[in-house]
Amino acid sequence: QLQASGGGLVQAGDSLRLSCAVSGRTYSNYKIGWFRQAPGKEREFVAGFSRRGDTTSYADSVKGRFSISRDNINNTVYLQMNSLKPEDTAVYYCAAGYTTYDSWGQGTQLTVSS
């Protein structure tokens, strides 16, 4: 089970950290990442870990501003978001999977005001 939290209403330029609590199973050797869906748009990949957990990838739109990290002891994956922009407004989801992302948590809403 994946549960995202930490969203809220912030102003442009602010920072925020999202958390994804992983429970009920182990996701070792699974890729895990963050996605987002803005109103009227398709869900898009934001950031993620490779299956081995040794590499990360980011969408071009967030490179240099967002950072994904994980706490294996507490089974939590984080998304640190800096220099937030109004276009970052979306529902953010964490997801995991072996070849494709097939386990999804409930999303958390982020709204960035200008």
PDB file of N, CA and C in Angstrom:
ATOM      1  N   GLN A   1       0.846  -1.187   0.000  1.00  0.00           N
ATOM      2  CA  GLN A   1       0.000   0.000   0.000  1.00  0.00           C
ATOM      3  C   GLN A   1       0.889   1.247   0.000  1.00  0.00           C
ATOM      4  N   LEU A   2       0.470   2.208  -0.774  1.00  0.00           N
ATOM      5  CA  LEU A   2       1.215   3.452  -0.891  1.00  0.00           C
ATOM      6  C   LEU A   2       0.303   4.599  -0.491  1.00  0.00           C
ATOM      7  N   GLN A   3       0.783   5.480   0.351  1.00  0.00           N
ATOM      8  CA  GLN A   3      -0.032   6.595   0.812  1.00  0.00           C
ATOM      9  C   GLN A   3       0.766   7.879   0.723  1.00  0.00           C
ATOM     10  N   ALA A   4       0.319   8.766  -0.157  1.00  0.00           N
ATOM     11  CA  ALA A   4       0.984  10.057  -0.314  1.00  0.00           C
ATOM     12  C   ALA A   4       0.384  11.080   0.632  1.00  0.00           C
ATOM     13  N   SER A   5       1.232  11.983   1.095  1.00  0.00           N
ATOM     14  CA  SER A   5       0.764  13.054   1.978  1.00  0.00           C
ATOM     15  C   SER A   5       1.701  14.243   1.853  1.00  0.00           C
ATOM     16  N   GLY A   6       1.277  15.355   2.431  1.00  0.00           N
ATOM     17  CA  GLY A   6       2.141  16.532   2.476  1.00  0.00           C
ATOM     18  C   GLY A   6       1.755  17.653   1.551  1.00  0.00           C
ATOM     19  N   GLY A   7       0.734  17.460   0.738  1.00  0.00           N
ATOM     20  CA  GLY A   7       0.309  18.518  -0.165  1.00  0.00           C
ATOM     21  C   GLY A   7      -0.302  19.684   0.592  1.00  0.00           C
ATOM     22  N   GLY A   8      -0.578  20.736  -0.143  1.00  0.00           N
ATOM     23  CA  GLY A   8      -1.181  21.902   0.475  1.00  0.00           C
ATOM     24  C   GLY A   8      -1.227  23.070  -0.474  1.00  0.00           C
ATOM     25  N   LEU A   9      -1.495  24.237   0.093  1.00  0.00           N
ATOM     26  CA  LEU A   9      -1.540  25.478  -0.678  1.00  0.00           C
ATOM     27  C   LEU A   9      -0.296  26.295  -0.331  1.00  0.00           C
ATOM     28  N   VAL A  10       0.490  26.608  -1.342  1.00  0.00           N
ATOM     29  CA  VAL A  10       1.713  27.382  -1.139  1.00  0.00           C
ATOM     30  C   VAL A  10       1.767  28.487  -2.182  1.00  0.00           C
ATOM     31  N   GLN A  11       2.736  29.375  -2.006  1.00  0.00           N
ATOM     32  CA  GLN A  11       2.940  30.452  -2.969  1.00  0.00           C
ATOM     33  C   GLN A  11       4.090  30.109  -3.899  1.00  0.00           C
ATOM     34  N   ALA A  12       4.078  30.726  -5.044  1.00  0.00           N
ATOM     35  CA  ALA A  12       5.166  30.531  -5.995  1.00  0.00           C
ATOM     36  C   ALA A  12       6.494  30.860  -5.330  1.00  0.00           C
ATOM     37  N   GLY A  13       7.471  30.001  -5.553  1.00  0.00           N
ATOM     38  CA  GLY A  13       8.781  30.183  -4.953  1.00  0.00           C
ATOM     39  C   GLY A  13       8.986  29.422  -3.660  1.00  0.00           C
ATOM     40  N   ASP A  14       7.896  28.943  -3.083  1.00  0.00           N
ATOM     41  CA  ASP A  14       7.988  28.189  -1.832  1.00  0.00           C
ATOM     42  C   ASP A  14       8.526  26.778  -2.071  1.00  0.00           C
ATOM     43  N   SER A  15       8.789  26.107  -0.968  1.00  0.00           N
ATOM     44  CA  SER A  15       9.223  24.709  -0.992  1.00  0.00           C
ATOM     45  C   SER A  15       8.244  23.864  -0.214  1.00  0.00           C
ATOM     46  N   LEU A  16       8.200  22.595  -0.560  1.00  0.00           N
ATOM     47  CA  LEU A  16       7.320  21.659   0.135  1.00  0.00           C
ATOM     48  C   LEU A  16       7.883  20.256  -0.060  1.00  0.00           C
ATOM     49  N   ARG A  17       7.649  19.405   0.904  1.00  0.00           N
ATOM     50  CA  ARG A  17       8.089  18.023   0.772  1.00  0.00           C
ATOM     51  C   ARG A  17       6.888  17.084   0.874  1.00  0.00           C
ATOM     52  N   LEU A  18       6.756  16.235  -0.106  1.00  0.00           N
ATOM     53  CA  LEU A  18       5.731  15.196  -0.085  1.00  0.00           C
ATOM     54  C   LEU A  18       6.330  13.904   0.451  1.00  0.00           C
ATOM     55  N   SER A  19       5.484  13.124   1.087  1.00  0.00           N
ATOM     56  CA  SER A  19       5.904  11.833   1.616  1.00  0.00           C
ATOM     57  C   SER A  19       5.035  10.737   1.039  1.00  0.00           C
ATOM     58  N   CYS A  20       5.634   9.579   0.836  1.00  0.00           N
ATOM     59  CA  CYS A  20       4.903   8.402   0.385  1.00  0.00           C
ATOM     60  C   CYS A  20       5.248   7.270   1.340  1.00  0.00           C
ATOM     61  N   ALA A  21       4.290   6.910   2.161  1.00  0.00           N
ATOM     62  CA  ALA A  21       4.490   5.819   3.116  1.00  0.00           C
ATOM     63  C   ALA A  21       4.165   4.500   2.442  1.00  0.00           C
ATOM     64  N   VAL A  22       5.094   3.573   2.539  1.00  0.00           N
ATOM     65  CA  VAL A  22       4.934   2.252   1.921  1.00  0.00           C
ATOM     66  C   VAL A  22       4.669   1.240   3.023  1.00  0.00           C
ATOM     67  N   SER A  23       3.599   0.482   2.873  1.00  0.00           N
ATOM     68  CA  SER A  23       3.270  -0.502   3.901  1.00  0.00           C
ATOM     69  C   SER A  23       2.655  -1.740   3.255  1.00  0.00           C
ATOM     70  N   GLY A  24       2.631  -2.811   4.003  1.00  0.00           N
ATOM     71  CA  GLY A  24       1.934  -4.017   3.577  1.00  0.00           C
ATOM     72  C   GLY A  24       2.752  -4.955   2.712  1.00  0.00           C
ATOM     73  N   ARG A  25       3.801  -4.459   2.121  1.00  0.00           N
ATOM     74  CA  ARG A  25       4.649  -5.317   1.301  1.00  0.00           C
ATOM     75  C   ARG A  25       5.980  -4.617   1.126  1.00  0.00           C
ATOM     76  N   THR A  26       6.936  -5.359   0.638  1.00  0.00           N
ATOM     77  CA  THR A  26       8.220  -4.748   0.356  1.00  0.00           C
ATOM     78  C   THR A  26       8.307  -4.403  -1.121  1.00  0.00           C
ATOM     79  N   TYR A  27       8.869  -3.273  -1.401  1.00  0.00           N
ATOM     80  CA  TYR A  27       9.044  -2.849  -2.772  1.00  0.00           C
ATOM     81  C   TYR A  27      10.518  -2.848  -3.159  1.00  0.00           C
ATOM     82  N   SER A  28      11.288  -3.677  -2.476  1.00  0.00           N
ATOM     83  CA  SER A  28      12.683  -3.790  -2.891  1.00  0.00           C
ATOM     84  C   SER A  28      12.717  -4.399  -4.278  1.00  0.00           C
ATOM     85  N   ASN A  29      13.640  -3.938  -5.096  1.00  0.00           N
ATOM     86  CA  ASN A  29      13.752  -4.374  -6.494  1.00  0.00           C
ATOM     87  C   ASN A  29      12.551  -3.955  -7.339  1.00  0.00           C
ATOM     88  N   TYR A  30      11.791  -2.997  -6.846  1.00  0.00           N
ATOM     89  CA  TYR A  30      10.715  -2.394  -7.616  1.00  0.00           C
ATOM     90  C   TYR A  30      11.083  -0.929  -7.860  1.00  0.00           C
ATOM     91  N   LYS A  31      10.717  -0.441  -9.005  1.00  0.00           N
ATOM     92  CA  LYS A  31      10.866   0.984  -9.196  1.00  0.00           C
ATOM     93  C   LYS A  31       9.734   1.690  -8.470  1.00  0.00           C
ATOM     94  N   ILE A  32      10.038   2.868  -7.968  1.00  0.00           N
ATOM     95  CA  ILE A  32       9.049   3.637  -7.229  1.00  0.00           C
ATOM     96  C   ILE A  32       9.215   5.100  -7.611  1.00  0.00           C
ATOM     97  N   GLY A  33       8.110   5.772  -7.770  1.00  0.00           N
ATOM     98  CA  GLY A  33       8.227   7.146  -8.238  1.00  0.00           C
ATOM     99  C   GLY A  33       7.015   7.991  -7.935  1.00  0.00           C
ATOM    100  N   TRP A  34       7.109   9.226  -8.379  1.00  0.00           N
ATOM    101  CA  TRP A  34       6.045  10.211  -8.221  1.00  0.00           C
ATOM    102  C   TRP A  34       5.498  10.612  -9.584  1.00  0.00           C
ATOM    103  N   PHE A  35       4.186  10.754  -9.622  1.00  0.00           N
ATOM    104  CA  PHE A  35       3.483  11.232 -10.799  1.00  0.00           C
ATOM    105  C   PHE A  35       2.586  12.385 -10.367  1.00  0.00           C
ATOM    106  N   ARG A  36       2.092  13.117 -11.342  1.00  0.00           N
ATOM    107  CA  ARG A  36       1.133  14.176 -11.025  1.00  0.00           C
ATOM    108  C   ARG A  36       0.127  14.315 -12.148  1.00  0.00           C
ATOM    109  N   GLN A  37      -1.034  14.825 -11.784  1.00  0.00           N
ATOM    110  CA  GLN A  37      -2.077  15.070 -12.762  1.00  0.00           C
ATOM    111  C   GLN A  37      -2.720  16.412 -12.472  1.00  0.00           C
ATOM    112  N   ALA A  38      -2.573  17.304 -13.423  1.00  0.00           N
ATOM    113  CA  ALA A  38      -3.180  18.624 -13.306  1.00  0.00           C
ATOM    114  C   ALA A  38      -4.575  18.591 -13.915  1.00  0.00           C
ATOM    115  N   PRO A  39      -5.440  19.513 -13.532  1.00  0.00           N
ATOM    116  CA  PRO A  39      -6.797  19.531 -14.075  1.00  0.00           C
ATOM    117  C   PRO A  39      -6.795  19.600 -15.595  1.00  0.00           C
ATOM    118  N   GLY A  40      -7.537  18.694 -16.209  1.00  0.00           N
ATOM    119  CA  GLY A  40      -7.651  18.695 -17.658  1.00  0.00           C
ATOM    120  C   GLY A  40      -6.458  18.132 -18.398  1.00  0.00           C
ATOM    121  N   LYS A  41      -5.494  17.604 -17.653  1.00  0.00           N
ATOM    122  CA  LYS A  41      -4.291  17.069 -18.298  1.00  0.00           C
ATOM    123  C   LYS A  41      -4.094  15.610 -17.927  1.00  0.00           C
ATOM    124  N   GLU A  42      -3.283  14.941 -18.711  1.00  0.00           N
ATOM    125  CA  GLU A  42      -2.989  13.542 -18.426  1.00  0.00           C
ATOM    126  C   GLU A  42      -1.974  13.449 -17.283  1.00  0.00           C
ATOM    127  N   ARG A  43      -2.006  12.324 -16.627  1.00  0.00           N
ATOM    128  CA  ARG A  43      -1.035  12.083 -15.565  1.00  0.00           C
ATOM    129  C   ARG A  43       0.363  12.001 -16.171  1.00  0.00           C
ATOM    130  N   GLU A  44       1.322  12.588 -15.497  1.00  0.00           N
ATOM    131  CA  GLU A  44       2.683  12.594 -16.020  1.00  0.00           C
ATOM    132  C   GLU A  44       3.683  12.166 -14.956  1.00  0.00           C
ATOM    133  N   PHE A  45       4.754  11.582 -15.422  1.00  0.00           N
ATOM    134  CA  PHE A  45       5.845  11.183 -14.544  1.00  0.00           C
ATOM    135  C   PHE A  45       6.569  12.424 -14.049  1.00  0.00           C
ATOM    136  N   VAL A  46       6.945  12.402 -12.752  1.00  0.00           N
ATOM    137  CA  VAL A  46       7.674  13.520 -12.162  1.00  0.00           C
ATOM    138  C   VAL A  46       9.102  13.103 -11.795  1.00  0.00           C
ATOM    139  N   ALA A  47       9.217  12.056 -11.018  1.00  0.00           N
ATOM    140  CA  ALA A  47      10.537  11.616 -10.553  1.00  0.00           C
ATOM    141  C   ALA A  47      10.432  10.173 -10.087  1.00  0.00           C
ATOM    142  N   GLY A  48      11.553   9.446 -10.169  1.00  0.00           N
ATOM    143  CA  GLY A  48      11.482   8.070  -9.721  1.00  0.00           C
ATOM    144  C   GLY A  48      12.839   7.428  -9.519  1.00  0.00           C
ATOM    145  N   PHE A  49      12.819   6.337  -8.785  1.00  0.00           N
ATOM    146  CA  PHE A  49      14.001   5.499  -8.566  1.00  0.00           C
ATOM    147  C   PHE A  49      13.941   4.314  -9.508  1.00  0.00           C
ATOM    148  N   SER A  50      15.110   3.870  -9.944  1.00  0.00           N
ATOM    149  CA  SER A  50      15.195   2.641 -10.705  1.00  0.00           C
ATOM    150  C   SER A  50      14.886   1.448  -9.810  1.00  0.00           C
ATOM    151  N   ARG A  51      14.747   0.288 -10.411  1.00  0.00           N
ATOM    152  CA  ARG A  51      14.428  -0.911  -9.625  1.00  0.00           C
ATOM    153  C   ARG A  51      15.478  -1.207  -8.572  1.00  0.00           C
ATOM    154  N   ARG A  52      16.714  -0.999  -8.913  1.00  0.00           N
ATOM    155  CA  ARG A  52      17.771  -1.262  -7.932  1.00  0.00           C
ATOM    156  C   ARG A  52      17.913  -0.116  -6.952  1.00  0.00           C
ATOM    157  N   GLY A  53      17.242   0.980  -7.229  1.00  0.00           N
ATOM    158  CA  GLY A  53      17.279   2.103  -6.307  1.00  0.00           C
ATOM    159  C   GLY A  53      18.548   2.914  -6.363  1.00  0.00           C
ATOM    160  N   ASP A  54      19.370   2.667  -7.389  1.00  0.00           N
ATOM    161  CA  ASP A  54      20.657   3.347  -7.422  1.00  0.00           C
ATOM    162  C   ASP A  54      20.697   4.516  -8.389  1.00  0.00           C
ATOM    163  N   THR A  55      19.629   4.679  -9.145  1.00  0.00           N
ATOM    164  CA  THR A  55      19.570   5.822 -10.052  1.00  0.00           C
ATOM    165  C   THR A  55      18.209   6.488  -9.943  1.00  0.00           C
ATOM    166  N   THR A  56      18.201   7.764 -10.258  1.00  0.00           N
ATOM    167  CA  THR A  56      16.967   8.533 -10.245  1.00  0.00           C
ATOM    168  C   THR A  56      16.756   9.175 -11.605  1.00  0.00           C
ATOM    169  N   SER A  57      15.527   9.483 -11.897  1.00  0.00           N
ATOM    170  CA  SER A  57      15.199  10.187 -13.128  1.00  0.00           C
ATOM    171  C   SER A  57      14.136  11.232 -12.825  1.00  0.00           C
ATOM    172  N   TYR A  58      14.128  12.276 -13.636  1.00  0.00           N
ATOM    173  CA  TYR A  58      13.220  13.396 -13.423  1.00  0.00           C
ATOM    174  C   TYR A  58      12.636  13.869 -14.741  1.00  0.00           C
ATOM    175  N   ALA A  59      11.431  14.375 -14.661  1.00  0.00           N
ATOM    176  CA  ALA A  59      10.860  15.063 -15.809  1.00  0.00           C
ATOM    177  C   ALA A  59      11.641  16.347 -16.036  1.00  0.00           C
ATOM    178  N   ASP A  60      11.774  16.740 -17.292  1.00  0.00           N
ATOM    179  CA  ASP A  60      12.523  17.954 -17.607  1.00  0.00           C
ATOM    180  C   ASP A  60      11.961  19.174 -16.880  1.00  0.00           C
ATOM    181  N   SER A  61      10.660  19.177 -16.691  1.00  0.00           N
ATOM    182  CA  SER A  61      10.009  20.345 -16.098  1.00  0.00           C
ATOM    183  C   SER A  61      10.362  20.550 -14.630  1.00  0.00           C
ATOM    184  N   VAL A  62      10.905  19.522 -13.981  1.00  0.00           N
ATOM    185  CA  VAL A  62      11.209  19.653 -12.556  1.00  0.00           C
ATOM    186  C   VAL A  62      12.690  19.489 -12.246  1.00  0.00           C
ATOM    187  N   LYS A  63      13.492  19.182 -13.246  1.00  0.00           N
ATOM    188  CA  LYS A  63      14.925  18.996 -13.010  1.00  0.00           C
ATOM    189  C   LYS A  63      15.530  20.246 -12.397  1.00  0.00           C
ATOM    190  N   GLY A  64      16.336  20.035 -11.368  1.00  0.00           N
ATOM    191  CA  GLY A  64      16.973  21.149 -10.686  1.00  0.00           C
ATOM    192  C   GLY A  64      16.120  21.773  -9.601  1.00  0.00           C
ATOM    193  N   ARG A  65      14.850  21.437  -9.569  1.00  0.00           N
ATOM    194  CA  ARG A  65      13.950  21.984  -8.540  1.00  0.00           C
ATOM    195  C   ARG A  65      13.431  20.909  -7.595  1.00  0.00           C
ATOM    196  N   PHE A  66      13.183  19.716  -8.108  1.00  0.00           N
ATOM    197  CA  PHE A  66      12.641  18.621  -7.309  1.00  0.00           C
ATOM    198  C   PHE A  66      13.722  17.583  -7.059  1.00  0.00           C
ATOM    199  N   SER A  67      13.577  16.909  -5.939  1.00  0.00           N
ATOM    200  CA  SER A  67      14.539  15.863  -5.598  1.00  0.00           C
ATOM    201  C   SER A  67      13.800  14.716  -4.914  1.00  0.00           C
ATOM    202  N   ILE A  68      14.023  13.500  -5.409  1.00  0.00           N
ATOM    203  CA  ILE A  68      13.406  12.325  -4.800  1.00  0.00           C
ATOM    204  C   ILE A  68      14.412  11.646  -3.887  1.00  0.00           C
ATOM    205  N   SER A  69      13.944  11.171  -2.759  1.00  0.00           N
ATOM    206  CA  SER A  69      14.818  10.470  -1.825  1.00  0.00           C
ATOM    207  C   SER A  69      14.001   9.391  -1.118  1.00  0.00           C
ATOM    208  N   ARG A  70      14.698   8.528  -0.397  1.00  0.00           N
ATOM    209  CA  ARG A  70      13.982   7.452   0.281  1.00  0.00           C
ATOM    210  C   ARG A  70      14.624   7.158   1.625  1.00  0.00           C
ATOM    211  N   ASP A  71      13.796   6.732   2.541  1.00  0.00           N
ATOM    212  CA  ASP A  71      14.222   6.294   3.867  1.00  0.00           C
ATOM    213  C   ASP A  71      13.823   4.833   3.978  1.00  0.00           C
ATOM    214  N   ASN A  72      14.776   3.951   3.782  1.00  0.00           N
ATOM    215  CA  ASN A  72      14.462   2.523   3.763  1.00  0.00           C
ATOM    216  C   ASN A  72      14.101   1.982   5.144  1.00  0.00           C
ATOM    217  N   ILE A  73      14.547   2.646   6.180  1.00  0.00           N
ATOM    218  CA  ILE A  73      14.216   2.192   7.530  1.00  0.00           C
ATOM    219  C   ILE A  73      12.745   2.455   7.819  1.00  0.00           C
ATOM    220  N   ASN A  74      12.293   3.626   7.433  1.00  0.00           N
ATOM    221  CA  ASN A  74      10.903   3.997   7.680  1.00  0.00           C
ATOM    222  C   ASN A  74       9.983   3.734   6.485  1.00  0.00           C
ATOM    223  N   ASN A  75      10.537   3.104   5.450  1.00  0.00           N
ATOM    224  CA  ASN A  75       9.730   2.758   4.270  1.00  0.00           C
ATOM    225  C   ASN A  75       8.964   3.960   3.726  1.00  0.00           C
ATOM    226  N   THR A  76       9.697   5.023   3.520  1.00  0.00           N
ATOM    227  CA  THR A  76       9.074   6.242   3.038  1.00  0.00           C
ATOM    228  C   THR A  76       9.895   6.811   1.879  1.00  0.00           C
ATOM    229  N   VAL A  77       9.201   7.282   0.885  1.00  0.00           N
ATOM    230  CA  VAL A  77       9.829   7.955  -0.250  1.00  0.00           C
ATOM    231  C   VAL A  77       9.375   9.408  -0.227  1.00  0.00           C
ATOM    232  N   TYR A  78      10.312  10.304  -0.448  1.00  0.00           N
ATOM    233  CA  TYR A  78      10.019  11.732  -0.375  1.00  0.00           C
ATOM    234  C   TYR A  78      10.186  12.399  -1.723  1.00  0.00           C
ATOM    235  N   LEU A  79       9.482  13.500  -1.886  1.00  0.00           N
ATOM    236  CA  LEU A  79       9.687  14.370  -3.035  1.00  0.00           C
ATOM    237  C   LEU A  79       9.853  15.784  -2.496  1.00  0.00           C
ATOM    238  N   GLN A  80      11.083  16.248  -2.505  1.00  0.00           N
ATOM    239  CA  GLN A  80      11.371  17.613  -2.089  1.00  0.00           C
ATOM    240  C   GLN A  80      11.174  18.529  -3.292  1.00  0.00           C
ATOM    241  N   MET A  81      10.323  19.522  -3.119  1.00  0.00           N
ATOM    242  CA  MET A  81       9.984  20.419  -4.228  1.00  0.00           C
ATOM    243  C   MET A  81      10.365  21.842  -3.841  1.00  0.00           C
ATOM    244  N   ASN A  82      11.257  22.425  -4.598  1.00  0.00           N
ATOM    245  CA  ASN A  82      11.713  23.787  -4.359  1.00  0.00           C
ATOM    246  C   ASN A  82      11.334  24.686  -5.529  1.00  0.00           C
ATOM    247  N   SER A  83      11.364  25.971  -5.275  1.00  0.00           N
ATOM    248  CA  SER A  83      11.057  26.958  -6.327  1.00  0.00           C
ATOM    249  C   SER A  83       9.767  26.609  -7.057  1.00  0.00           C
ATOM    250  N   LEU A  84       8.741  26.351  -6.287  1.00  0.00           N
ATOM    251  CA  LEU A  84       7.477  25.908  -6.867  1.00  0.00           C
ATOM    252  C   LEU A  84       6.865  26.970  -7.769  1.00  0.00           C
ATOM    253  N   LYS A  85       6.206  26.492  -8.804  1.00  0.00           N
ATOM    254  CA  LYS A  85       5.569  27.357  -9.792  1.00  0.00           C
ATOM    255  C   LYS A  85       4.073  27.032  -9.856  1.00  0.00           C
ATOM    256  N   PRO A  86       3.266  27.971 -10.298  1.00  0.00           N
ATOM    257  CA  PRO A  86       1.833  27.676 -10.430  1.00  0.00           C
ATOM    258  C   PRO A  86       1.569  26.459 -11.319  1.00  0.00           C
ATOM    259  N   GLU A  87       2.411  26.225 -12.304  1.00  0.00           N
ATOM    260  CA  GLU A  87       2.211  25.071 -13.183  1.00  0.00           C
ATOM    261  C   GLU A  87       2.533  23.744 -12.510  1.00  0.00           C
ATOM    262  N   ASP A  88       3.045  23.782 -11.301  1.00  0.00           N
ATOM    263  CA  ASP A  88       3.241  22.555 -10.525  1.00  0.00           C
ATOM    264  C   ASP A  88       1.952  22.120  -9.822  1.00  0.00           C
ATOM    265  N   THR A  89       0.933  22.948  -9.891  1.00  0.00           N
ATOM    266  CA  THR A  89      -0.347  22.610  -9.278  1.00  0.00           C
ATOM    267  C   THR A  89      -0.901  21.327  -9.889  1.00  0.00           C
ATOM    268  N   ALA A  90      -1.186  20.360  -9.035  1.00  0.00           N
ATOM    269  CA  ALA A  90      -1.657  19.054  -9.503  1.00  0.00           C
ATOM    270  C   ALA A  90      -1.942  18.181  -8.292  1.00  0.00           C
ATOM    271  N   VAL A  91      -2.551  17.046  -8.570  1.00  0.00           N
ATOM    272  CA  VAL A  91      -2.627  15.981  -7.576  1.00  0.00           C
ATOM    273  C   VAL A  91      -1.397  15.101  -7.795  1.00  0.00           C
ATOM    274  N   TYR A  92      -0.662  14.873  -6.736  1.00  0.00           N
ATOM    275  CA  TYR A  92       0.567  14.096  -6.803  1.00  0.00           C
ATOM    276  C   TYR A  92       0.323  12.697  -6.251  1.00  0.00           C
ATOM    277  N   TYR A  93       0.826  11.717  -6.988  1.00  0.00           N
ATOM    278  CA  TYR A  93       0.662  10.312  -6.624  1.00  0.00           C
ATOM    279  C   TYR A  93       2.031   9.641  -6.516  1.00  0.00           C
ATOM    280  N   CYS A  94       2.141   8.698  -5.607  1.00  0.00           N
ATOM    281  CA  CYS A  94       3.304   7.825  -5.644  1.00  0.00           C
ATOM    282  C   CYS A  94       2.858   6.469  -6.183  1.00  0.00           C
ATOM    283  N   ALA A  95       3.777   5.793  -6.823  1.00  0.00           N
ATOM    284  CA  ALA A  95       3.457   4.533  -7.480  1.00  0.00           C
ATOM    285  C   ALA A  95       4.679   3.633  -7.475  1.00  0.00           C
ATOM    286  N   ALA A  96       4.437   2.345  -7.629  1.00  0.00           N
ATOM    287  CA  ALA A  96       5.520   1.370  -7.664  1.00  0.00           C
ATOM    288  C   ALA A  96       5.179   0.265  -8.647  1.00  0.00           C
ATOM    289  N   GLY A  97       6.212  -0.430  -9.088  1.00  0.00           N
ATOM    290  CA  GLY A  97       5.983  -1.537  -9.993  1.00  0.00           C
ATOM    291  C   GLY A  97       7.293  -2.182 -10.386  1.00  0.00           C
ATOM    292  N   TYR A  98       7.187  -3.365 -10.999  1.00  0.00           N
ATOM    293  CA  TYR A  98       8.408  -4.058 -11.402  1.00  0.00           C
ATOM    294  C   TYR A  98       8.836  -3.648 -12.806  1.00  0.00           C
ATOM    295  N   THR A  99       7.951  -3.815 -13.755  1.00  0.00           N
ATOM    296  CA  THR A  99       8.243  -3.333 -15.110  1.00  0.00           C
ATOM    297  C   THR A  99       7.437  -2.093 -15.435  1.00  0.00           C
ATOM    298  N   THR A 100       6.201  -2.099 -15.045  1.00  0.00           N
ATOM    299  CA  THR A 100       5.351  -0.908 -15.175  1.00  0.00           C
ATOM    300  C   THR A 100       4.852  -0.525 -13.791  1.00  0.00           C
ATOM    301  N   TYR A 101       4.445   0.708 -13.668  1.00  0.00           N
ATOM    302  CA  TYR A 101       3.897   1.175 -12.391  1.00  0.00           C
ATOM    303  C   TYR A 101       2.468   0.640 -12.268  1.00  0.00           C
ATOM    304  N   ASP A 102       2.251  -0.331 -11.372  1.00  0.00           N
ATOM    305  CA  ASP A 102       0.933  -0.925 -11.252  1.00  0.00           C
ATOM    306  C   ASP A 102       0.346  -0.855  -9.849  1.00  0.00           C
ATOM    307  N   SER A 103       1.066  -0.280  -8.918  1.00  0.00           N
ATOM    308  CA  SER A 103       0.538  -0.047  -7.574  1.00  0.00           C
ATOM    309  C   SER A 103       0.516   1.449  -7.349  1.00  0.00           C
ATOM    310  N   TRP A 104      -0.663   1.942  -7.032  1.00  0.00           N
ATOM    311  CA  TRP A 104      -0.829   3.387  -6.908  1.00  0.00           C
ATOM    312  C   TRP A 104      -1.445   3.736  -5.562  1.00  0.00           C
ATOM    313  N   GLY A 105      -0.982   4.818  -5.004  1.00  0.00           N
ATOM    314  CA  GLY A 105      -1.580   5.325  -3.784  1.00  0.00           C
ATOM    315  C   GLY A 105      -2.575   6.425  -4.095  1.00  0.00           C
ATOM    316  N   GLN A 106      -3.295   6.836  -3.082  1.00  0.00           N
ATOM    317  CA  GLN A 106      -4.169   7.998  -3.230  1.00  0.00           C
ATOM    318  C   GLN A 106      -3.301   9.236  -3.360  1.00  0.00           C
ATOM    319  N   GLY A 107      -3.767  10.189  -4.061  1.00  0.00           N
ATOM    320  CA  GLY A 107      -2.973  11.369  -4.317  1.00  0.00           C
ATOM    321  C   GLY A 107      -3.071  12.406  -3.218  1.00  0.00           C
ATOM    322  N   THR A 108      -2.207  13.375  -3.317  1.00  0.00           N
ATOM    323  CA  THR A 108      -2.232  14.518  -2.413  1.00  0.00           C
ATOM    324  C   THR A 108      -2.198  15.788  -3.277  1.00  0.00           C
ATOM    325  N   GLN A 109      -3.064  16.731  -2.949  1.00  0.00           N
ATOM    326  CA  GLN A 109      -3.226  17.923  -3.772  1.00  0.00           C
ATOM    327  C   GLN A 109      -2.185  18.981  -3.427  1.00  0.00           C
ATOM    328  N   LEU A 110      -1.536  19.491  -4.456  1.00  0.00           N
ATOM    329  CA  LEU A 110      -0.644  20.640  -4.299  1.00  0.00           C
ATOM    330  C   LEU A 110      -1.208  21.776  -5.136  1.00  0.00           C
ATOM    331  N   THR A 111      -1.373  22.912  -4.516  1.00  0.00           N
ATOM    332  CA  THR A 111      -1.808  24.101  -5.224  1.00  0.00           C
ATOM    333  C   THR A 111      -0.783  25.201  -5.001  1.00  0.00           C
ATOM    334  N   VAL A 112      -0.268  25.742  -6.095  1.00  0.00           N
ATOM    335  CA  VAL A 112       0.729  26.802  -6.017  1.00  0.00           C
ATOM    336  C   VAL A 112       0.107  28.084  -6.552  1.00  0.00           C
ATOM    337  N   SER A 113      -0.021  29.074  -5.694  1.00  0.00           N
ATOM    338  CA  SER A 113      -0.616  30.348  -6.108  1.00  0.00           C
ATOM    339  C   SER A 113       0.471  31.298  -6.600  1.00  0.00           C
ATOM    340  N   SER A 114       0.091  32.133  -7.541  1.00  0.00           N
ATOM    341  CA  SER A 114       1.067  33.079  -8.118  1.00  0.00           C
ATOM    342  C   SER A 114       1.136  34.366  -7.323  1.00  0.00           C
TER     343      SER A 114
END
